[in-house]
Amino acid sequence: MKNTSKFQNVVIATIVGWLVLFVFLPNLMIIATSF
């Protein structure tokens, strides 16, 4: 059970990481172009 939950946490962290990347990358580009 511990290995399964650890794997689940890694998957959730990866999904959250990709979501954050796709949310912040366009915002950073907009900020970079405005300066």
PDB file of N, CA and C in Angstrom:
ATOM      1  N   MET A   1       0.842  -1.213   0.000  1.00  0.00           N
ATOM      2  CA  MET A   1       0.000   0.000   0.000  1.00  0.00           C
ATOM      3  C   MET A   1       0.876   1.263   0.000  1.00  0.00           C
ATOM      4  N   LYS A   2       1.978   1.225   0.736  1.00  0.00           N
ATOM      5  CA  LYS A   2       2.846   2.405   0.808  1.00  0.00           C
ATOM      6  C   LYS A   2       3.457   2.726  -0.559  1.00  0.00           C
ATOM      7  N   ASN A   3       3.889   1.686  -1.281  1.00  0.00           N
ATOM      8  CA  ASN A   3       4.461   1.916  -2.607  1.00  0.00           C
ATOM      9  C   ASN A   3       3.422   2.518  -3.550  1.00  0.00           C
ATOM     10  N   THR A   4       2.183   2.043  -3.461  1.00  0.00           N
ATOM     11  CA  THR A   4       1.115   2.549  -4.332  1.00  0.00           C
ATOM     12  C   THR A   4       0.850   4.022  -4.040  1.00  0.00           C
ATOM     13  N   SER A   5       0.772   4.387  -2.755  1.00  0.00           N
ATOM     14  CA  SER A   5       0.496   5.784  -2.391  1.00  0.00           C
ATOM     15  C   SER A   5       1.666   6.677  -2.798  1.00  0.00           C
ATOM     16  N   LYS A   6       2.896   6.153  -2.660  1.00  0.00           N
ATOM     17  CA  LYS A   6       4.073   6.926  -3.066  1.00  0.00           C
ATOM     18  C   LYS A   6       4.035   7.182  -4.570  1.00  0.00           C
ATOM     19  N   PHE A   7       3.713   6.144  -5.347  1.00  0.00           N
ATOM     20  CA  PHE A   7       3.593   6.292  -6.800  1.00  0.00           C
ATOM     21  C   PHE A   7       2.494   7.280  -7.142  1.00  0.00           C
ATOM     22  N   GLN A   8       1.373   7.206  -6.406  1.00  0.00           N
ATOM     23  CA  GLN A   8       0.245   8.122  -6.630  1.00  0.00           C
ATOM     24  C   GLN A   8       0.673   9.564  -6.356  1.00  0.00           C
ATOM     25  N   ASN A   9       1.443   9.776  -5.304  1.00  0.00           N
ATOM     26  CA  ASN A   9       1.936  11.120  -4.984  1.00  0.00           C
ATOM     27  C   ASN A   9       2.841  11.646  -6.090  1.00  0.00           C
ATOM     28  N   VAL A  10       3.688  10.774  -6.646  1.00  0.00           N
ATOM     29  CA  VAL A  10       4.581  11.174  -7.740  1.00  0.00           C
ATOM     30  C   VAL A  10       3.764  11.573  -8.958  1.00  0.00           C
ATOM     31  N   VAL A  11       2.723  10.792  -9.269  1.00  0.00           N
ATOM     32  CA  VAL A  11       1.860  11.090 -10.422  1.00  0.00           C
ATOM     33  C   VAL A  11       1.149  12.425 -10.211  1.00  0.00           C
ATOM     34  N   ILE A  12       0.597  12.633  -9.014  1.00  0.00           N
ATOM     35  CA  ILE A  12      -0.099  13.892  -8.704  1.00  0.00           C
ATOM     36  C   ILE A  12       0.875  15.064  -8.793  1.00  0.00           C
ATOM     37  N   ALA A  13       2.077  14.900  -8.252  1.00  0.00           N
ATOM     38  CA  ALA A  13       3.082  15.962  -8.292  1.00  0.00           C
ATOM     39  C   ALA A  13       3.461  16.290  -9.732  1.00  0.00           C
ATOM     40  N   THR A  14       3.573  15.253 -10.586  1.00  0.00           N
ATOM     41  CA  THR A  14       3.908  15.465 -11.996  1.00  0.00           C
ATOM     42  C   THR A  14       2.798  16.228 -12.706  1.00  0.00           C
ATOM     43  N   ILE A  15       1.542  15.829 -12.465  1.00  0.00           N
ATOM     44  CA  ILE A  15       0.390  16.496 -13.104  1.00  0.00           C
ATOM     45  C   ILE A  15       0.317  17.953 -12.643  1.00  0.00           C
ATOM     46  N   VAL A  16       0.470  18.184 -11.337  1.00  0.00           N
ATOM     47  CA  VAL A  16       0.436  19.552 -10.802  1.00  0.00           C
ATOM     48  C   VAL A  16       1.581  20.372 -11.384  1.00  0.00           C
ATOM     49  N   GLY A  17       2.761  19.744 -11.481  1.00  0.00           N
ATOM     50  CA  GLY A  17       3.920  20.426 -12.056  1.00  0.00           C
ATOM     51  C   GLY A  17       3.673  20.855 -13.491  1.00  0.00           C
ATOM     52  N   TRP A  18       3.089  19.966 -14.306  1.00  0.00           N
ATOM     53  CA  TRP A  18       2.779  20.306 -15.705  1.00  0.00           C
ATOM     54  C   TRP A  18       1.735  21.403 -15.774  1.00  0.00           C
ATOM     55  N   LEU A  19       0.708  21.329 -14.906  1.00  0.00           N
ATOM     56  CA  LEU A  19      -0.330  22.373 -14.886  1.00  0.00           C
ATOM     57  C   LEU A  19       0.287  23.726 -14.542  1.00  0.00           C
ATOM     58  N   VAL A  20       1.143  23.749 -13.513  1.00  0.00           N
ATOM     59  CA  VAL A  20       1.818  24.993 -13.113  1.00  0.00           C
ATOM     60  C   VAL A  20       2.674  25.514 -14.263  1.00  0.00           C
ATOM     61  N   LEU A  21       3.384  24.581 -14.939  1.00  0.00           N
ATOM     62  CA  LEU A  21       4.243  24.972 -16.062  1.00  0.00           C
ATOM     63  C   LEU A  21       3.422  25.617 -17.166  1.00  0.00           C
ATOM     64  N   PHE A  22       2.296  24.991 -17.518  1.00  0.00           N
ATOM     65  CA  PHE A  22       1.468  25.512 -18.616  1.00  0.00           C
ATOM     66  C   PHE A  22       0.732  26.791 -18.212  1.00  0.00           C
ATOM     67  N   VAL A  23       0.525  27.013 -16.900  1.00  0.00           N
ATOM     68  CA  VAL A  23      -0.123  28.252 -16.446  1.00  0.00           C
ATOM     69  C   VAL A  23       0.901  29.394 -16.397  1.00  0.00           C
ATOM     70  N   PHE A  24       2.105  29.102 -15.872  1.00  0.00           N
ATOM     71  CA  PHE A  24       3.087  30.164 -15.652  1.00  0.00           C
ATOM     72  C   PHE A  24       3.904  30.504 -16.896  1.00  0.00           C
ATOM     73  N   LEU A  25       4.111  29.535 -17.801  1.00  0.00           N
ATOM     74  CA  LEU A  25       4.929  29.797 -18.988  1.00  0.00           C
ATOM     75  C   LEU A  25       4.355  30.911 -19.856  1.00  0.00           C
ATOM     76  N   PRO A  26       3.065  30.891 -20.236  1.00  0.00           N
ATOM     77  CA  PRO A  26       2.499  31.993 -21.024  1.00  0.00           C
ATOM     78  C   PRO A  26       2.539  33.319 -20.260  1.00  0.00           C
ATOM     79  N   ASN A  27       2.277  33.280 -18.943  1.00  0.00           N
ATOM     80  CA  ASN A  27       2.331  34.502 -18.136  1.00  0.00           C
ATOM     81  C   ASN A  27       3.740  35.090 -18.127  1.00  0.00           C
ATOM     82  N   LEU A  28       4.757  34.229 -18.001  1.00  0.00           N
ATOM     83  CA  LEU A  28       6.140  34.705 -18.031  1.00  0.00           C
ATOM     84  C   LEU A  28       6.472  35.317 -19.387  1.00  0.00           C
ATOM     85  N   MET A  29       5.980  34.713 -20.472  1.00  0.00           N
ATOM     86  CA  MET A  29       6.229  35.248 -21.810  1.00  0.00           C
ATOM     87  C   MET A  29       5.555  36.607 -21.978  1.00  0.00           C
ATOM     88  N   ILE A  30       4.345  36.755 -21.452  1.00  0.00           N
ATOM     89  CA  ILE A  30       3.625  38.038 -21.520  1.00  0.00           C
ATOM     90  C   ILE A  30       4.391  39.097 -20.722  1.00  0.00           C
ATOM     91  N   ILE A  31       4.861  38.727 -19.537  1.00  0.00           N
ATOM     92  CA  ILE A  31       5.631  39.657 -18.702  1.00  0.00           C
ATOM     93  C   ILE A  31       6.942  40.025 -19.404  1.00  0.00           C
ATOM     94  N   ALA A  32       7.594  39.036 -20.016  1.00  0.00           N
ATOM     95  CA  ALA A  32       8.870  39.277 -20.705  1.00  0.00           C
ATOM     96  C   ALA A  32       8.679  40.214 -21.893  1.00  0.00           C
ATOM     97  N   THR A  33       7.581  40.049 -22.641  1.00  0.00           N
ATOM     98  CA  THR A  33       7.347  40.890 -23.819  1.00  0.00           C
ATOM     99  C   THR A  33       6.932  42.297 -23.410  1.00  0.00           C
ATOM    100  N   SER A  34       6.294  42.455 -22.254  1.00  0.00           N
ATOM    101  CA  SER A  34       5.834  43.780 -21.825  1.00  0.00           C
ATOM    102  C   SER A  34       6.998  44.630 -21.311  1.00  0.00           C
ATOM    103  N   PHE A  35       8.098  43.989 -20.871  1.00  0.00           N
ATOM    104  CA  PHE A  35       9.235  44.759 -20.354  1.00  0.00           C
ATOM    105  C   PHE A  35      10.163  45.227 -21.443  1.00  0.00           C
TER     106      PHE A  35
END
